[in-house]
């Protein structure tokens, strides 16, 4: 079954793990395993592929938040600058630290640290978005109450008009408009 990437955050996670997989194909990394440990390299590649899927699936558990709220891309937004800072930290970690973790046979430590960095970024992002979503829910609720009040007032006015019309119909009809005849009828 193909994994469907539906939002920007999932794409970032997928690309970060893909960068790690590309690092495994670099000559200096492959030279560390060549010739007798190529099966270990293959196992690591398979593990990273599985981890990439797991991380994207983990982000899918927060899919409802990403569907409701779009990230803002203006440079003055604090949330976006925090996002950029955390993403850059992850990219720097992958670019600079991966080779040393492989040399010291600490690939599992690298994976754990990468997962932790991605999890921290996700939790920060979700917390910021939830605040925005809650504020939008509050605004929608207020608008809904205003619409309900307006509709209620419209219904009251409509009923008042119907009542006034009904009372007007119940008055006796004056057949003639002559003042002399009206005086006689009273």
Protein backbone atom coordinates (compact mmCIF):
# COMPACT_ATOMS: atom_id res chain seq x y z
CA UNK A 1 0.00 0.00 0.00
CA UNK A 2 1.37 3.37 -1.00
CA UNK A 3 1.85 6.02 1.65
CA UNK A 4 -0.10 9.16 0.81
CA UNK A 5 1.61 12.39 1.79
CA UNK A 6 -1.12 14.98 2.22
CA UNK A 7 0.41 18.09 3.74
CA UNK A 8 3.57 20.12 3.91
CA UNK A 9 4.71 18.78 7.26
CA UNK A 10 4.52 15.16 6.13
CA UNK A 11 6.53 16.10 3.06
CA UNK A 12 9.24 17.70 5.23
CA UNK A 13 9.51 14.58 7.40
CA UNK A 14 9.63 12.36 4.33
CA UNK A 15 12.34 14.50 2.72
CA UNK A 16 14.46 14.58 5.86
CA UNK A 17 14.51 10.80 6.06
CA UNK A 18 15.14 10.62 2.32
CA UNK A 19 18.19 12.85 2.85
CA UNK A 20 19.46 10.36 5.43
CA UNK A 21 18.94 7.51 2.97
CA UNK A 22 20.85 9.46 0.31
CA UNK A 23 23.69 9.94 2.78
CA UNK A 24 23.99 6.15 2.98
CA UNK A 25 24.84 6.05 -0.71
CA UNK A 26 27.77 8.46 -0.34
CA UNK A 27 31.18 6.93 -0.97
CA UNK A 28 32.66 7.82 2.41
CA UNK A 29 29.77 6.09 4.22
CA UNK A 30 29.83 3.06 1.94
CA UNK A 31 33.63 2.84 2.34
CA UNK A 32 33.11 2.33 6.08
CA UNK A 33 31.11 -0.86 5.37
CA UNK A 34 32.95 -2.11 2.27
CA UNK A 35 33.66 -5.03 1.58
CA UNK A 36 32.69 -7.27 4.50
CA UNK A 37 29.82 -5.35 6.11
CA UNK A 38 27.69 -4.47 3.10
CA UNK A 39 24.84 -6.54 4.53
CA UNK A 40 24.92 -4.30 7.63
CA UNK A 41 24.61 -1.26 5.35
CA UNK A 42 21.68 -2.91 3.61
CA UNK A 43 20.01 -3.60 6.97
CA UNK A 44 20.52 0.01 8.02
CA UNK A 45 18.98 1.19 4.73
CA UNK A 46 15.96 -1.04 5.31
CA UNK A 47 15.63 0.21 8.89
CA UNK A 48 15.73 3.83 7.75
CA UNK A 49 13.07 3.11 5.14
CA UNK A 50 10.83 1.62 7.83
CA UNK A 51 11.58 4.52 10.20
CA UNK A 52 10.71 7.03 7.48
CA UNK A 53 7.29 5.42 7.06
CA UNK A 54 6.74 5.24 10.81
CA UNK A 55 7.56 8.91 11.29
CA UNK A 56 5.24 10.01 8.48
CA UNK A 57 2.48 7.79 9.88
CA UNK A 58 3.07 9.34 13.32
CA UNK A 59 2.55 12.80 11.84
CA UNK A 60 -0.67 11.55 10.25
CA UNK A 61 -2.12 11.18 13.76
CA UNK A 62 -2.15 15.01 13.85
CA UNK A 63 -3.66 15.25 10.38
CA UNK A 64 -6.87 16.90 11.64
CA UNK A 65 -4.84 19.88 12.85
CA UNK A 66 -2.95 20.30 9.59
CA UNK A 67 -6.20 20.08 7.64
CA UNK A 68 -7.82 22.84 9.69
CA UNK A 69 -4.94 25.25 9.99
CA UNK A 70 -2.55 26.47 7.34
CA UNK A 71 0.91 27.61 8.31
CA UNK A 72 1.63 31.22 7.65
CA UNK A 73 4.66 32.13 5.60
CA UNK A 74 5.22 35.79 6.36
CA UNK A 75 8.64 36.60 7.74
CA UNK A 76 7.39 38.45 10.81
CA UNK A 77 5.44 35.52 12.21
CA UNK A 78 7.14 34.08 15.32
CA UNK A 79 5.69 30.63 14.70
CA UNK A 80 7.17 30.46 11.24
CA UNK A 81 10.60 31.61 12.41
CA UNK A 82 10.50 28.93 15.12
CA UNK A 83 9.55 26.36 12.47
CA UNK A 84 12.46 27.46 10.26
CA UNK A 85 14.88 27.33 13.20
CA UNK A 86 13.84 23.80 14.19
CA UNK A 87 13.88 22.58 10.58
CA UNK A 88 17.34 24.04 10.06
CA UNK A 89 18.54 22.36 13.24
CA UNK A 90 17.33 18.99 11.93
CA UNK A 91 18.93 19.55 8.53
CA UNK A 92 22.22 20.57 10.15
CA UNK A 93 22.11 17.51 12.39
CA UNK A 94 21.63 15.23 9.38
CA UNK A 95 24.26 16.96 7.27
CA UNK A 96 27.00 17.23 9.90
CA UNK A 97 26.48 14.39 12.39
CA UNK A 98 25.42 11.41 10.35
CA UNK A 99 28.91 10.35 9.22
CA UNK A 100 30.33 10.49 12.75
CA UNK A 101 27.45 8.38 14.13
CA UNK A 102 28.05 5.79 11.40
CA UNK A 103 31.82 5.72 12.07
CA UNK A 104 31.22 5.09 15.77
CA UNK A 105 28.55 2.44 15.05
CA UNK A 106 25.90 4.53 16.82
CA UNK A 107 23.26 4.56 14.08
CA UNK A 108 20.52 3.74 16.59
CA UNK A 109 21.49 6.78 18.65
CA UNK A 110 21.33 8.90 15.51
CA UNK A 111 17.86 7.59 14.68
CA UNK A 112 16.63 8.23 18.22
CA UNK A 113 18.00 11.77 18.23
CA UNK A 114 16.50 12.50 14.79
CA UNK A 115 13.11 11.17 15.88
CA UNK A 116 13.29 13.28 19.05
CA UNK A 117 14.12 16.44 17.09
CA UNK A 118 11.22 15.81 14.71
CA UNK A 119 8.88 15.03 17.60
CA UNK A 120 9.83 18.27 19.39
CA UNK A 121 9.19 20.27 16.22
CA UNK A 122 5.85 18.56 15.71
CA UNK A 123 4.73 19.13 19.30
CA UNK A 124 5.68 22.80 19.12
CA UNK A 125 3.84 23.21 15.85
CA UNK A 126 0.74 21.38 17.08
CA UNK A 127 0.64 23.46 20.27
CA UNK A 128 0.83 26.71 18.27
CA UNK A 129 -1.80 25.55 15.79
CA UNK A 130 -4.15 24.34 18.51
CA UNK A 131 -4.14 27.80 20.06
CA UNK A 132 -5.07 29.28 16.68
CA UNK A 133 -7.75 26.65 16.11
CA UNK A 134 -9.25 27.24 19.56
CA UNK A 135 -9.34 30.98 18.89
CA UNK A 136 -11.05 30.39 15.55
CA UNK A 137 -13.60 28.11 17.29
CA UNK A 138 -14.31 30.86 19.81
CA UNK A 139 -14.78 33.38 16.99
CA UNK A 140 -17.06 30.98 15.10
CA UNK A 141 -19.12 30.37 18.24
CA UNK A 142 -19.52 34.10 18.80
CA UNK A 143 -20.57 34.60 15.17
CA UNK A 144 -23.02 31.71 15.52
CA UNK A 145 -24.59 33.25 18.61
CA UNK A 146 -24.92 36.59 16.84
CA UNK A 147 -26.59 34.88 13.87
CA UNK A 148 -28.97 33.01 16.20
CA UNK A 149 -29.91 36.25 17.95
CA UNK A 150 -30.47 37.97 14.62
CA UNK A 151 -32.63 35.08 13.39
CA UNK A 152 -34.63 35.12 16.63
CA UNK A 153 -35.26 38.86 16.27
CA UNK A 154 -36.38 38.34 12.67
CA UNK A 155 -38.82 35.63 13.77
CA UNK A 156 -40.23 37.88 16.52
CA UNK A 157 -40.73 40.73 14.06
CA UNK A 158 -42.43 38.36 11.64
CA UNK A 159 -44.76 37.06 14.35
CA UNK A 160 -45.53 40.61 15.49
CA UNK A 161 -46.47 41.56 11.92
CA UNK A 162 -48.69 38.49 11.60
CA UNK A 163 -50.38 39.31 14.91
CA UNK A 164 -50.95 42.92 13.86
CA UNK A 165 -52.39 41.77 10.54
CA UNK A 166 -54.67 39.29 12.29
CA UNK A 167 -55.94 41.96 14.70
CA UNK A 168 -56.57 44.29 11.79
CA UNK A 169 -58.65 41.62 10.05
CA UNK A 170 -60.74 41.09 13.16
CA UNK A 171 -61.92 44.73 13.29
CA UNK A 172 -65.35 45.23 11.78
CA UNK A 173 -65.36 46.53 8.27
CA UNK A 174 -66.83 49.95 7.72
CA UNK A 175 -68.97 49.82 4.65
CA UNK A 176 -69.23 53.54 4.14
CA UNK A 177 -66.98 56.35 5.02
CA UNK A 178 -69.53 58.96 5.61
CA UNK A 179 -69.06 60.68 8.95
CA UNK A 180 -72.81 61.09 9.41
CA UNK A 181 -73.38 57.32 9.16
CA UNK A 182 -70.43 56.56 11.39
CA UNK A 183 -71.91 58.80 14.08
CA UNK A 184 -75.16 56.91 13.86
CA UNK A 185 -73.41 53.55 14.27
CA UNK A 186 -71.76 54.56 17.55
